[in-house]
Amino acid sequence: MTVAKNRADRVMLYDISWQQFENLLKDLGEHRAARLAYDRTTLEIMTPLPEHEHYKEVIGDLVKEIADVLDLDYESYGSTTWKRESRMAGVESDNCFYFQNEAAIRGRLDLDLRQDPPPDLALEIDVTSKSLDRFPIYARLGVPELWCYDSGEIKIYLLQNGEYVESENSLVFPTLEIRYLPKLIEQNRADGRRAIRQAVREWVRKGGKGELPS
């Protein structure tokens, strides 16, 4: 095992076997601040900073608000550890959601990617510039859509032929201009979380196309 400390908020470990990854998950337990990502034999352990957690919570809340306005059934599994030994891939997203496959996993607490579908949408907050590229991990797990937030922008990536391709439109919310969400967040951030949620609900009701209609 090789250890390389990149920054105060993360540690990179190399030459980590799958069993070592599993043992570490067990040792750390479920109630922890650190997030893990495993790509073949490389492991990143990251402790999120306040800015990261703020945007994770805000954008996750907005996904739920949009679903409610559009009357879409969904399930959220937060930072669940998704892993498949056969793919040598494991990741804990900042948040993840089922929409298209919600009915297939409804009420389930024992999901296993060896037999169950992966989340339809995963959220990654990149304000701390994660060292380990998560795209190949998500691709091998088969997650169809990623939203990546960084520096005031949300970029949408869709899985096509085993690779992620940037897209203007979301599979989950195809009629909405999702890239406008960060602007709504910043316009209302000083007024608090509830104001942001209310602004987004109004934006969706009026079509979700860039600026709010007057």
N, C-alpha and C. Protein backbone atom coordinates (compact mmCIF):
# COMPACT_ATOMS: atom_id res chain seq x y z
N MET A 1 0.84 -1.20 0.00
CA MET A 1 0.00 0.00 0.00
C MET A 1 0.88 1.25 0.00
N THR A 2 0.54 2.20 -0.85
CA THR A 2 1.24 3.47 -0.93
C THR A 2 0.30 4.58 -0.52
N VAL A 3 0.76 5.50 0.34
CA VAL A 3 -0.06 6.60 0.82
C VAL A 3 0.51 7.91 0.28
N ALA A 4 -0.38 8.75 -0.24
CA ALA A 4 0.04 10.08 -0.69
C ALA A 4 -0.96 11.09 -0.19
N LYS A 5 -0.56 11.97 0.69
CA LYS A 5 -1.46 13.02 1.19
C LYS A 5 -1.40 14.20 0.25
N ASN A 6 -2.54 14.48 -0.39
CA ASN A 6 -2.57 15.57 -1.37
C ASN A 6 -2.94 16.91 -0.74
N ARG A 7 -3.92 16.87 0.15
CA ARG A 7 -4.39 18.09 0.80
C ARG A 7 -4.85 17.74 2.19
N ALA A 8 -5.13 18.75 2.99
CA ALA A 8 -5.54 18.50 4.37
C ALA A 8 -6.88 17.79 4.44
N ASP A 9 -7.70 17.91 3.37
CA ASP A 9 -9.05 17.34 3.43
C ASP A 9 -9.16 16.00 2.72
N ARG A 10 -8.02 15.41 2.29
CA ARG A 10 -8.11 14.14 1.59
C ARG A 10 -6.81 13.35 1.67
N VAL A 11 -6.96 12.05 1.50
CA VAL A 11 -5.81 11.15 1.45
C VAL A 11 -6.02 10.21 0.28
N MET A 12 -4.96 10.00 -0.52
CA MET A 12 -5.00 9.04 -1.61
C MET A 12 -4.21 7.80 -1.20
N LEU A 13 -4.79 6.62 -1.41
CA LEU A 13 -4.13 5.36 -1.11
C LEU A 13 -4.04 4.54 -2.40
N TYR A 14 -2.89 3.92 -2.62
CA TYR A 14 -2.68 3.15 -3.84
C TYR A 14 -2.40 1.69 -3.50
N ASP A 15 -2.59 0.83 -4.49
CA ASP A 15 -2.37 -0.62 -4.32
C ASP A 15 -3.25 -1.19 -3.21
N ILE A 16 -4.52 -0.77 -3.24
CA ILE A 16 -5.49 -1.24 -2.26
C ILE A 16 -6.34 -2.35 -2.89
N SER A 17 -6.38 -3.50 -2.26
CA SER A 17 -7.18 -4.60 -2.78
C SER A 17 -8.66 -4.36 -2.47
N TRP A 18 -9.52 -5.12 -3.16
CA TRP A 18 -10.96 -4.99 -2.89
C TRP A 18 -11.27 -5.35 -1.44
N GLN A 19 -10.62 -6.38 -0.92
CA GLN A 19 -10.87 -6.78 0.46
C GLN A 19 -10.44 -5.70 1.44
N GLN A 20 -9.34 -5.02 1.16
CA GLN A 20 -8.92 -3.91 2.01
C GLN A 20 -9.94 -2.77 1.97
N PHE A 21 -10.48 -2.51 0.79
CA PHE A 21 -11.52 -1.49 0.65
C PHE A 21 -12.74 -1.87 1.48
N GLU A 22 -13.19 -3.11 1.38
CA GLU A 22 -14.34 -3.58 2.15
C GLU A 22 -14.06 -3.48 3.66
N ASN A 23 -12.86 -3.88 4.06
CA ASN A 23 -12.51 -3.82 5.49
C ASN A 23 -12.51 -2.39 6.01
N LEU A 24 -12.02 -1.47 5.17
CA LEU A 24 -11.99 -0.07 5.58
C LEU A 24 -13.40 0.49 5.74
N LEU A 25 -14.29 0.13 4.82
CA LEU A 25 -15.68 0.56 4.95
C LEU A 25 -16.27 0.07 6.26
N LYS A 26 -15.98 -1.17 6.59
CA LYS A 26 -16.51 -1.76 7.83
C LYS A 26 -15.91 -1.08 9.05
N ASP A 27 -14.61 -0.82 9.02
CA ASP A 27 -13.94 -0.20 10.17
C ASP A 27 -14.41 1.23 10.40
N LEU A 28 -14.62 1.96 9.31
CA LEU A 28 -15.05 3.36 9.44
C LEU A 28 -16.50 3.46 9.87
N GLY A 29 -17.32 2.48 9.49
CA GLY A 29 -18.73 2.47 9.88
C GLY A 29 -19.56 3.43 9.05
N GLU A 30 -20.86 3.44 9.32
CA GLU A 30 -21.80 4.25 8.55
C GLU A 30 -21.84 5.70 9.01
N HIS A 31 -21.59 5.95 10.29
CA HIS A 31 -21.72 7.29 10.82
C HIS A 31 -20.36 7.98 10.83
N ARG A 32 -19.99 8.52 9.69
CA ARG A 32 -18.69 9.16 9.53
C ARG A 32 -18.81 10.31 8.56
N ALA A 33 -17.88 11.23 8.67
CA ALA A 33 -17.89 12.39 7.78
C ALA A 33 -17.16 12.10 6.47
N ALA A 34 -16.18 11.22 6.50
CA ALA A 34 -15.36 10.96 5.32
C ALA A 34 -16.15 10.26 4.22
N ARG A 35 -15.80 10.58 2.95
CA ARG A 35 -16.39 9.93 1.79
C ARG A 35 -15.30 9.17 1.06
N LEU A 36 -15.67 8.00 0.53
CA LEU A 36 -14.69 7.15 -0.13
C LEU A 36 -15.03 6.95 -1.60
N ALA A 37 -13.99 6.82 -2.40
CA ALA A 37 -14.15 6.45 -3.82
C ALA A 37 -13.04 5.48 -4.16
N TYR A 38 -13.41 4.38 -4.86
CA TYR A 38 -12.46 3.32 -5.16
C TYR A 38 -12.49 3.02 -6.66
N ASP A 39 -11.33 3.12 -7.30
CA ASP A 39 -11.22 2.85 -8.73
C ASP A 39 -10.09 1.84 -8.94
N ARG A 40 -10.50 0.58 -9.14
CA ARG A 40 -9.55 -0.52 -9.24
C ARG A 40 -8.70 -0.55 -7.97
N THR A 41 -7.45 -0.18 -7.96
CA THR A 41 -6.67 -0.30 -6.72
C THR A 41 -6.36 1.06 -6.08
N THR A 42 -7.00 2.11 -6.55
CA THR A 42 -6.77 3.45 -6.00
C THR A 42 -7.96 3.88 -5.15
N LEU A 43 -7.68 4.39 -3.96
CA LEU A 43 -8.72 4.79 -3.02
C LEU A 43 -8.50 6.24 -2.58
N GLU A 44 -9.58 7.03 -2.63
CA GLU A 44 -9.53 8.38 -2.09
C GLU A 44 -10.45 8.46 -0.88
N ILE A 45 -9.93 9.04 0.20
CA ILE A 45 -10.72 9.32 1.40
C ILE A 45 -10.78 10.83 1.55
N MET A 46 -11.98 11.40 1.49
CA MET A 46 -12.13 12.84 1.50
C MET A 46 -13.04 13.27 2.64
N THR A 47 -12.63 14.32 3.35
CA THR A 47 -13.47 14.93 4.38
C THR A 47 -14.04 16.22 3.81
N PRO A 48 -15.36 16.29 3.57
CA PRO A 48 -15.96 17.45 2.93
C PRO A 48 -15.81 18.73 3.76
N LEU A 49 -15.62 19.85 3.08
CA LEU A 49 -15.55 21.16 3.71
C LEU A 49 -16.95 21.79 3.76
N PRO A 50 -17.15 22.83 4.59
CA PRO A 50 -18.48 23.44 4.72
C PRO A 50 -19.09 23.90 3.40
N GLU A 51 -18.29 24.50 2.52
CA GLU A 51 -18.82 24.95 1.23
C GLU A 51 -19.36 23.78 0.42
N HIS A 52 -18.63 22.70 0.44
CA HIS A 52 -19.05 21.48 -0.25
C HIS A 52 -20.39 20.99 0.29
N GLU A 53 -20.51 20.92 1.60
CA GLU A 53 -21.74 20.42 2.21
C GLU A 53 -22.92 21.35 1.96
N HIS A 54 -22.66 22.64 1.92
CA HIS A 54 -23.73 23.60 1.65
C HIS A 54 -24.37 23.34 0.29
N TYR A 55 -23.54 23.25 -0.74
CA TYR A 55 -24.08 23.06 -2.09
C TYR A 55 -24.65 21.65 -2.27
N LYS A 56 -24.07 20.67 -1.60
CA LYS A 56 -24.63 19.32 -1.65
C LYS A 56 -26.06 19.32 -1.14
N GLU A 57 -26.28 19.97 0.01
CA GLU A 57 -27.61 20.00 0.61
C GLU A 57 -28.59 20.84 -0.22
N VAL A 58 -28.14 22.01 -0.66
CA VAL A 58 -29.02 22.90 -1.41
C VAL A 58 -29.46 22.25 -2.72
N ILE A 59 -28.51 21.74 -3.51
CA ILE A 59 -28.88 21.17 -4.81
C ILE A 59 -29.69 19.90 -4.63
N GLY A 60 -29.36 19.09 -3.62
CA GLY A 60 -30.16 17.91 -3.34
C GLY A 60 -31.60 18.27 -3.00
N ASP A 61 -31.76 19.33 -2.17
CA ASP A 61 -33.12 19.79 -1.84
C ASP A 61 -33.87 20.25 -3.09
N LEU A 62 -33.16 20.91 -4.00
CA LEU A 62 -33.83 21.44 -5.19
C LEU A 62 -34.28 20.32 -6.12
N VAL A 63 -33.52 19.23 -6.20
CA VAL A 63 -33.96 18.08 -6.99
C VAL A 63 -35.30 17.58 -6.46
N LYS A 64 -35.43 17.51 -5.14
CA LYS A 64 -36.68 17.04 -4.53
C LYS A 64 -37.81 18.04 -4.75
N GLU A 65 -37.50 19.33 -4.65
CA GLU A 65 -38.53 20.35 -4.90
C GLU A 65 -39.05 20.27 -6.34
N ILE A 66 -38.13 20.12 -7.28
CA ILE A 66 -38.53 20.02 -8.68
C ILE A 66 -39.41 18.80 -8.90
N ALA A 67 -39.01 17.67 -8.33
CA ALA A 67 -39.80 16.44 -8.47
C ALA A 67 -41.20 16.62 -7.90
N ASP A 68 -41.30 17.31 -6.77
CA ASP A 68 -42.61 17.53 -6.17
C ASP A 68 -43.50 18.38 -7.07
N VAL A 69 -42.93 19.46 -7.62
CA VAL A 69 -43.73 20.33 -8.49
C VAL A 69 -44.18 19.58 -9.74
N LEU A 70 -43.32 18.72 -10.26
CA LEU A 70 -43.64 17.96 -11.48
C LEU A 70 -44.40 16.66 -11.21
N ASP A 71 -44.72 16.41 -9.93
CA ASP A 71 -45.43 15.19 -9.53
C ASP A 71 -44.70 13.93 -9.97
N LEU A 72 -43.38 13.91 -9.76
CA LEU A 72 -42.57 12.75 -10.12
C LEU A 72 -42.23 11.96 -8.86
N ASP A 73 -42.47 10.66 -8.90
CA ASP A 73 -42.05 9.81 -7.80
C ASP A 73 -40.53 9.68 -7.82
N TYR A 74 -39.93 9.69 -6.64
CA TYR A 74 -38.47 9.57 -6.56
C TYR A 74 -38.09 8.93 -5.24
N GLU A 75 -36.85 8.51 -5.17
CA GLU A 75 -36.25 8.05 -3.92
C GLU A 75 -34.84 8.59 -3.86
N SER A 76 -34.45 9.06 -2.69
CA SER A 76 -33.11 9.60 -2.49
C SER A 76 -32.35 8.71 -1.51
N TYR A 77 -31.11 8.37 -1.88
CA TYR A 77 -30.29 7.52 -1.02
C TYR A 77 -29.02 8.22 -0.56
N GLY A 78 -28.99 9.56 -0.63
CA GLY A 78 -27.88 10.32 -0.06
C GLY A 78 -26.51 9.83 -0.52
N SER A 79 -25.62 9.65 0.46
CA SER A 79 -24.24 9.24 0.16
C SER A 79 -24.04 7.74 0.37
N THR A 80 -25.01 6.96 -0.05
CA THR A 80 -24.90 5.50 0.01
C THR A 80 -23.61 5.03 -0.69
N THR A 81 -23.01 3.97 -0.16
CA THR A 81 -21.85 3.37 -0.83
C THR A 81 -22.33 2.43 -1.92
N TRP A 82 -22.07 2.78 -3.17
CA TRP A 82 -22.42 1.92 -4.30
C TRP A 82 -21.16 1.22 -4.75
N LYS A 83 -21.21 -0.11 -4.89
CA LYS A 83 -19.99 -0.83 -5.23
C LYS A 83 -20.32 -2.14 -5.94
N ARG A 84 -19.37 -2.54 -6.79
CA ARG A 84 -19.43 -3.84 -7.46
C ARG A 84 -18.03 -4.39 -7.58
N GLU A 85 -17.80 -5.53 -6.92
CA GLU A 85 -16.47 -6.11 -6.93
C GLU A 85 -16.05 -6.52 -8.33
N SER A 86 -16.99 -7.04 -9.14
CA SER A 86 -16.64 -7.48 -10.48
C SER A 86 -16.17 -6.32 -11.36
N ARG A 87 -16.58 -5.11 -11.02
CA ARG A 87 -16.15 -3.92 -11.77
C ARG A 87 -15.01 -3.18 -11.07
N MET A 88 -14.62 -3.64 -9.88
CA MET A 88 -13.59 -2.99 -9.07
C MET A 88 -13.89 -1.49 -8.93
N ALA A 89 -15.14 -1.20 -8.59
CA ALA A 89 -15.58 0.18 -8.53
C ALA A 89 -16.46 0.39 -7.30
N GLY A 90 -16.21 1.49 -6.61
CA GLY A 90 -17.03 1.86 -5.47
C GLY A 90 -17.02 3.37 -5.30
N VAL A 91 -18.16 3.94 -4.93
CA VAL A 91 -18.23 5.40 -4.79
C VAL A 91 -19.36 5.78 -3.83
N GLU A 92 -19.15 6.90 -3.15
CA GLU A 92 -20.19 7.49 -2.31
C GLU A 92 -20.47 8.87 -2.87
N SER A 93 -21.55 9.00 -3.62
CA SER A 93 -21.88 10.27 -4.26
C SER A 93 -22.31 11.28 -3.20
N ASP A 94 -22.36 12.55 -3.60
CA ASP A 94 -22.84 13.56 -2.67
C ASP A 94 -24.34 13.44 -2.45
N ASN A 95 -25.02 12.95 -3.45
CA ASN A 95 -26.42 12.55 -3.31
C ASN A 95 -26.77 11.73 -4.54
N CYS A 96 -27.80 10.92 -4.44
CA CYS A 96 -28.21 10.11 -5.59
C CYS A 96 -29.70 9.87 -5.52
N PHE A 97 -30.30 9.68 -6.68
CA PHE A 97 -31.75 9.60 -6.78
C PHE A 97 -32.18 8.53 -7.77
N TYR A 98 -33.30 7.93 -7.46
CA TYR A 98 -34.00 7.06 -8.40
C TYR A 98 -35.23 7.81 -8.91
N PHE A 99 -35.41 7.83 -10.22
CA PHE A 99 -36.60 8.38 -10.86
C PHE A 99 -37.19 7.34 -11.80
N GLN A 100 -36.50 7.07 -12.91
CA GLN A 100 -37.00 6.12 -13.89
C GLN A 100 -37.16 4.73 -13.27
N ASN A 101 -36.26 4.36 -12.37
CA ASN A 101 -36.30 3.04 -11.74
C ASN A 101 -36.87 3.07 -10.32
N GLU A 102 -37.55 4.15 -9.98
CA GLU A 102 -38.05 4.28 -8.61
C GLU A 102 -38.99 3.15 -8.22
N ALA A 103 -39.87 2.77 -9.13
CA ALA A 103 -40.84 1.71 -8.81
C ALA A 103 -40.16 0.38 -8.52
N ALA A 104 -39.01 0.16 -9.16
CA ALA A 104 -38.31 -1.12 -8.99
C ALA A 104 -37.66 -1.26 -7.63
N ILE A 105 -37.37 -0.12 -6.97
CA ILE A 105 -36.67 -0.20 -5.68
C ILE A 105 -37.51 0.40 -4.55
N ARG A 106 -38.75 0.73 -4.82
CA ARG A 106 -39.60 1.43 -3.85
C ARG A 106 -39.67 0.68 -2.52
N GLY A 107 -39.35 1.40 -1.45
CA GLY A 107 -39.44 0.81 -0.12
C GLY A 107 -38.30 -0.10 0.25
N ARG A 108 -37.33 -0.24 -0.63
CA ARG A 108 -36.22 -1.19 -0.39
C ARG A 108 -35.12 -0.55 0.44
N LEU A 109 -34.53 -1.33 1.34
CA LEU A 109 -33.41 -0.88 2.15
C LEU A 109 -32.18 -1.78 1.96
N ASP A 110 -32.28 -2.72 1.04
CA ASP A 110 -31.22 -3.73 0.88
C ASP A 110 -30.72 -3.78 -0.56
N LEU A 111 -30.50 -2.63 -1.16
CA LEU A 111 -30.12 -2.58 -2.58
C LEU A 111 -28.73 -3.16 -2.80
N ASP A 112 -28.59 -3.87 -3.91
CA ASP A 112 -27.33 -4.52 -4.27
C ASP A 112 -27.18 -4.41 -5.79
N LEU A 113 -26.13 -3.72 -6.24
CA LEU A 113 -25.97 -3.48 -7.68
C LEU A 113 -25.70 -4.74 -8.48
N ARG A 114 -25.47 -5.87 -7.82
CA ARG A 114 -25.34 -7.12 -8.56
C ARG A 114 -26.68 -7.56 -9.12
N GLN A 115 -27.77 -7.05 -8.56
CA GLN A 115 -29.10 -7.45 -9.03
C GLN A 115 -30.08 -6.29 -9.19
N ASP A 116 -29.76 -5.14 -8.61
CA ASP A 116 -30.65 -3.99 -8.68
C ASP A 116 -30.07 -2.92 -9.60
N PRO A 117 -30.92 -2.06 -10.18
CA PRO A 117 -30.41 -0.98 -11.04
C PRO A 117 -29.68 0.06 -10.21
N PRO A 118 -28.70 0.74 -10.80
CA PRO A 118 -28.02 1.83 -10.09
C PRO A 118 -28.92 3.05 -10.02
N PRO A 119 -28.56 4.05 -9.23
CA PRO A 119 -29.36 5.29 -9.22
C PRO A 119 -29.43 5.90 -10.62
N ASP A 120 -30.54 6.57 -10.89
CA ASP A 120 -30.72 7.22 -12.19
C ASP A 120 -29.94 8.53 -12.29
N LEU A 121 -29.69 9.14 -11.14
CA LEU A 121 -29.01 10.44 -11.12
C LEU A 121 -28.10 10.50 -9.90
N ALA A 122 -26.85 10.91 -10.12
CA ALA A 122 -25.91 11.12 -9.02
C ALA A 122 -25.40 12.56 -9.06
N LEU A 123 -25.19 13.11 -7.89
CA LEU A 123 -24.73 14.49 -7.75
C LEU A 123 -23.31 14.50 -7.20
N GLU A 124 -22.42 15.25 -7.86
CA GLU A 124 -21.05 15.42 -7.40
C GLU A 124 -20.76 16.91 -7.24
N ILE A 125 -20.34 17.29 -6.03
CA ILE A 125 -19.95 18.67 -5.76
C ILE A 125 -18.43 18.73 -5.82
N ASP A 126 -17.89 19.58 -6.70
CA ASP A 126 -16.46 19.57 -6.97
C ASP A 126 -15.75 20.82 -6.47
N VAL A 127 -16.33 21.51 -5.48
CA VAL A 127 -15.71 22.76 -5.02
C VAL A 127 -14.34 22.52 -4.41
N THR A 128 -14.04 21.30 -4.01
CA THR A 128 -12.71 21.01 -3.47
C THR A 128 -11.84 20.26 -4.47
N SER A 129 -12.28 20.18 -5.73
CA SER A 129 -11.49 19.55 -6.80
C SER A 129 -10.98 18.18 -6.41
N LYS A 130 -11.86 17.22 -6.41
CA LYS A 130 -11.51 15.85 -6.01
C LYS A 130 -10.36 15.32 -6.86
N SER A 131 -9.46 14.62 -6.20
CA SER A 131 -8.26 14.15 -6.89
C SER A 131 -8.54 12.95 -7.79
N LEU A 132 -9.42 12.07 -7.38
CA LEU A 132 -9.70 10.85 -8.12
C LEU A 132 -10.85 11.08 -9.10
N ASP A 133 -10.60 10.81 -10.37
CA ASP A 133 -11.62 10.96 -11.41
C ASP A 133 -12.74 9.95 -11.15
N ARG A 134 -13.94 10.45 -10.88
CA ARG A 134 -15.05 9.56 -10.56
C ARG A 134 -15.82 9.10 -11.78
N PHE A 135 -15.62 9.72 -12.93
CA PHE A 135 -16.37 9.33 -14.11
C PHE A 135 -16.22 7.84 -14.45
N PRO A 136 -14.98 7.30 -14.49
CA PRO A 136 -14.86 5.88 -14.80
C PRO A 136 -15.55 4.98 -13.77
N ILE A 137 -15.56 5.41 -12.51
CA ILE A 137 -16.23 4.63 -11.47
C ILE A 137 -17.72 4.57 -11.73
N TYR A 138 -18.33 5.74 -11.92
CA TYR A 138 -19.77 5.79 -12.19
C TYR A 138 -20.12 5.04 -13.47
N ALA A 139 -19.25 5.15 -14.47
CA ALA A 139 -19.52 4.47 -15.75
C ALA A 139 -19.57 2.96 -15.56
N ARG A 140 -18.62 2.41 -14.80
CA ARG A 140 -18.61 0.97 -14.58
C ARG A 140 -19.76 0.51 -13.70
N LEU A 141 -20.29 1.42 -12.88
CA LEU A 141 -21.46 1.09 -12.08
C LEU A 141 -22.76 1.28 -12.87
N GLY A 142 -22.68 1.98 -14.02
CA GLY A 142 -23.83 2.11 -14.90
C GLY A 142 -24.80 3.22 -14.55
N VAL A 143 -24.35 4.26 -13.83
CA VAL A 143 -25.23 5.38 -13.48
C VAL A 143 -25.48 6.22 -14.74
N PRO A 144 -26.74 6.39 -15.17
CA PRO A 144 -27.02 7.03 -16.46
C PRO A 144 -26.72 8.52 -16.53
N GLU A 145 -26.82 9.23 -15.38
CA GLU A 145 -26.72 10.68 -15.43
C GLU A 145 -25.98 11.22 -14.20
N LEU A 146 -25.05 12.15 -14.45
CA LEU A 146 -24.33 12.84 -13.39
C LEU A 146 -24.56 14.33 -13.51
N TRP A 147 -24.73 14.98 -12.35
CA TRP A 147 -24.69 16.43 -12.29
C TRP A 147 -23.44 16.80 -11.50
N CYS A 148 -22.59 17.63 -12.09
CA CYS A 148 -21.37 18.06 -11.42
C CYS A 148 -21.43 19.57 -11.20
N TYR A 149 -21.36 19.98 -9.93
CA TYR A 149 -21.37 21.40 -9.60
C TYR A 149 -19.96 21.85 -9.27
N ASP A 150 -19.55 22.97 -9.88
CA ASP A 150 -18.23 23.53 -9.58
C ASP A 150 -18.20 24.98 -10.03
N SER A 151 -17.70 25.84 -9.16
CA SER A 151 -17.48 27.26 -9.50
C SER A 151 -18.73 27.93 -10.06
N GLY A 152 -19.87 27.66 -9.43
CA GLY A 152 -21.10 28.32 -9.83
C GLY A 152 -21.77 27.75 -11.07
N GLU A 153 -21.35 26.58 -11.52
CA GLU A 153 -21.95 25.96 -12.70
C GLU A 153 -22.37 24.53 -12.41
N ILE A 154 -23.48 24.11 -13.01
CA ILE A 154 -23.86 22.70 -13.02
C ILE A 154 -23.69 22.19 -14.44
N LYS A 155 -22.90 21.12 -14.58
CA LYS A 155 -22.76 20.47 -15.88
C LYS A 155 -23.41 19.10 -15.81
N ILE A 156 -24.12 18.76 -16.87
CA ILE A 156 -24.85 17.49 -16.96
C ILE A 156 -24.07 16.54 -17.86
N TYR A 157 -23.91 15.32 -17.38
CA TYR A 157 -23.22 14.30 -18.17
C TYR A 157 -24.10 13.06 -18.27
N LEU A 158 -24.23 12.54 -19.48
CA LEU A 158 -25.03 11.35 -19.73
C LEU A 158 -24.13 10.21 -20.18
N LEU A 159 -24.44 9.02 -19.71
CA LEU A 159 -23.64 7.84 -20.04
C LEU A 159 -24.02 7.32 -21.42
N GLN A 160 -23.04 7.30 -22.32
CA GLN A 160 -23.27 6.82 -23.68
C GLN A 160 -22.10 5.92 -24.08
N ASN A 161 -22.41 4.68 -24.39
CA ASN A 161 -21.40 3.71 -24.82
C ASN A 161 -20.24 3.62 -23.82
N GLY A 162 -20.59 3.62 -22.54
CA GLY A 162 -19.59 3.42 -21.50
C GLY A 162 -18.81 4.65 -21.10
N GLU A 163 -19.14 5.82 -21.68
CA GLU A 163 -18.44 7.05 -21.33
C GLU A 163 -19.45 8.17 -21.12
N TYR A 164 -19.05 9.17 -20.33
CA TYR A 164 -19.94 10.30 -20.08
C TYR A 164 -19.72 11.41 -21.10
N VAL A 165 -20.84 11.90 -21.62
CA VAL A 165 -20.83 12.97 -22.61
C VAL A 165 -21.61 14.14 -22.04
N GLU A 166 -21.03 15.33 -22.11
CA GLU A 166 -21.73 16.50 -21.58
C GLU A 166 -22.98 16.78 -22.40
N SER A 167 -24.05 17.17 -21.71
CA SER A 167 -25.34 17.38 -22.36
C SER A 167 -25.98 18.67 -21.87
N GLU A 168 -26.74 19.31 -22.74
CA GLU A 168 -27.50 20.49 -22.35
C GLU A 168 -28.73 20.10 -21.54
N ASN A 169 -29.24 18.89 -21.78
CA ASN A 169 -30.51 18.48 -21.19
C ASN A 169 -30.34 17.30 -20.25
N SER A 170 -31.19 17.26 -19.24
CA SER A 170 -31.22 16.17 -18.27
C SER A 170 -32.19 15.09 -18.71
N LEU A 171 -31.84 13.83 -18.47
CA LEU A 171 -32.78 12.74 -18.72
C LEU A 171 -33.92 12.75 -17.72
N VAL A 172 -33.61 13.14 -16.50
CA VAL A 172 -34.61 13.14 -15.43
C VAL A 172 -35.59 14.29 -15.59
N PHE A 173 -35.08 15.49 -15.92
CA PHE A 173 -35.92 16.67 -16.09
C PHE A 173 -35.68 17.27 -17.48
N PRO A 174 -36.12 16.61 -18.54
CA PRO A 174 -35.76 17.03 -19.90
C PRO A 174 -36.30 18.39 -20.32
N THR A 175 -37.35 18.87 -19.66
CA THR A 175 -37.96 20.14 -20.09
C THR A 175 -37.37 21.35 -19.37
N LEU A 176 -36.48 21.13 -18.41
CA LEU A 176 -35.95 22.23 -17.60
C LEU A 176 -34.51 22.57 -17.98
N GLU A 177 -34.18 23.85 -17.90
CA GLU A 177 -32.82 24.30 -18.14
C GLU A 177 -32.06 24.23 -16.81
N ILE A 178 -31.61 23.04 -16.47
CA ILE A 178 -31.00 22.76 -15.17
C ILE A 178 -29.79 23.65 -14.91
N ARG A 179 -29.08 24.04 -15.95
CA ARG A 179 -27.88 24.86 -15.76
C ARG A 179 -28.18 26.22 -15.17
N TYR A 180 -29.45 26.60 -15.14
CA TYR A 180 -29.83 27.89 -14.56
C TYR A 180 -29.95 27.82 -13.04
N LEU A 181 -29.98 26.63 -12.46
CA LEU A 181 -30.17 26.49 -11.02
C LEU A 181 -29.14 27.26 -10.19
N PRO A 182 -27.84 27.21 -10.51
CA PRO A 182 -26.88 27.96 -9.68
C PRO A 182 -27.19 29.45 -9.61
N LYS A 183 -27.70 30.02 -10.69
CA LYS A 183 -28.03 31.44 -10.66
C LYS A 183 -29.18 31.69 -9.69
N LEU A 184 -30.18 30.82 -9.69
CA LEU A 184 -31.28 30.95 -8.74
C LEU A 184 -30.79 30.81 -7.30
N ILE A 185 -29.85 29.91 -7.10
CA ILE A 185 -29.30 29.72 -5.76
C ILE A 185 -28.61 31.00 -5.28
N GLU A 186 -27.76 31.57 -6.13
CA GLU A 186 -27.02 32.76 -5.73
C GLU A 186 -27.92 33.97 -5.55
N GLN A 187 -28.95 34.08 -6.39
CA GLN A 187 -29.87 35.21 -6.28
C GLN A 187 -30.63 35.21 -4.96
N ASN A 188 -30.82 34.04 -4.39
CA ASN A 188 -31.66 33.92 -3.19
C ASN A 188 -30.90 33.43 -1.96
N ARG A 189 -29.60 33.20 -2.09
CA ARG A 189 -28.83 32.60 -0.98
C ARG A 189 -28.85 33.47 0.27
N ALA A 190 -28.78 34.80 0.11
CA ALA A 190 -28.77 35.69 1.27
C ALA A 190 -30.07 35.65 2.05
N ASP A 191 -31.14 35.19 1.40
CA ASP A 191 -32.45 35.13 2.06
C ASP A 191 -32.72 33.76 2.70
N GLY A 192 -31.79 32.84 2.55
CA GLY A 192 -31.92 31.57 3.24
C GLY A 192 -32.41 30.43 2.37
N ARG A 193 -32.33 29.25 2.95
CA ARG A 193 -32.64 28.01 2.23
C ARG A 193 -34.10 27.97 1.75
N ARG A 194 -35.02 28.41 2.59
CA ARG A 194 -36.44 28.35 2.21
C ARG A 194 -36.72 29.25 1.02
N ALA A 195 -36.07 30.41 0.96
CA ALA A 195 -36.26 31.33 -0.16
C ALA A 195 -35.75 30.70 -1.45
N ILE A 196 -34.64 29.97 -1.38
CA ILE A 196 -34.12 29.30 -2.57
C ILE A 196 -35.12 28.27 -3.06
N ARG A 197 -35.65 27.47 -2.15
CA ARG A 197 -36.61 26.43 -2.56
C ARG A 197 -37.86 27.04 -3.17
N GLN A 198 -38.35 28.12 -2.57
CA GLN A 198 -39.55 28.77 -3.12
C GLN A 198 -39.29 29.34 -4.50
N ALA A 199 -38.12 29.93 -4.70
CA ALA A 199 -37.78 30.49 -6.01
C ALA A 199 -37.71 29.40 -7.07
N VAL A 200 -37.16 28.27 -6.72
CA VAL A 200 -37.05 27.18 -7.69
C VAL A 200 -38.41 26.59 -8.00
N ARG A 201 -39.26 26.46 -7.02
CA ARG A 201 -40.61 25.96 -7.28
C ARG A 201 -41.34 26.88 -8.25
N GLU A 202 -41.22 28.19 -8.04
CA GLU A 202 -41.86 29.15 -8.93
C GLU A 202 -41.28 29.07 -10.33
N TRP A 203 -39.98 28.91 -10.41
CA TRP A 203 -39.30 28.80 -11.71
C TRP A 203 -39.80 27.57 -12.47
N VAL A 204 -39.96 26.45 -11.80
CA VAL A 204 -40.45 25.23 -12.45
C VAL A 204 -41.89 25.42 -12.92
N ARG A 205 -42.71 26.02 -12.08
CA ARG A 205 -44.12 26.24 -12.46
C ARG A 205 -44.25 27.11 -13.69
N LYS A 206 -43.28 28.01 -13.89
CA LYS A 206 -43.34 28.91 -15.03
C LYS A 206 -42.54 28.41 -16.22
N GLY A 207 -42.15 27.13 -16.18
CA GLY A 207 -41.54 26.52 -17.36
C GLY A 207 -40.09 26.12 -17.22
N GLY A 208 -39.37 26.68 -16.24
CA GLY A 208 -37.99 26.28 -16.04
C GLY A 208 -37.07 26.62 -17.20
N LYS A 209 -37.28 27.80 -17.79
CA LYS A 209 -36.48 28.18 -18.96
C LYS A 209 -35.70 29.46 -18.69
N GLY A 210 -34.54 29.34 -18.11
CA GLY A 210 -33.71 30.51 -17.89
C GLY A 210 -34.36 31.47 -16.92
N GLU A 211 -34.40 32.75 -17.28
CA GLU A 211 -34.95 33.77 -16.38
C GLU A 211 -36.42 33.50 -16.08
N LEU A 212 -36.81 33.87 -14.84
CA LEU A 212 -38.22 33.76 -14.47
C LEU A 212 -39.04 34.75 -15.30
N PRO A 213 -40.15 34.28 -15.89
CA PRO A 213 -41.02 35.20 -16.61
C PRO A 213 -41.60 36.24 -15.65
N SER A 214 -41.78 37.45 -16.13
CA SER A 214 -42.35 38.50 -15.27
C SER A 214 -43.86 38.35 -15.21
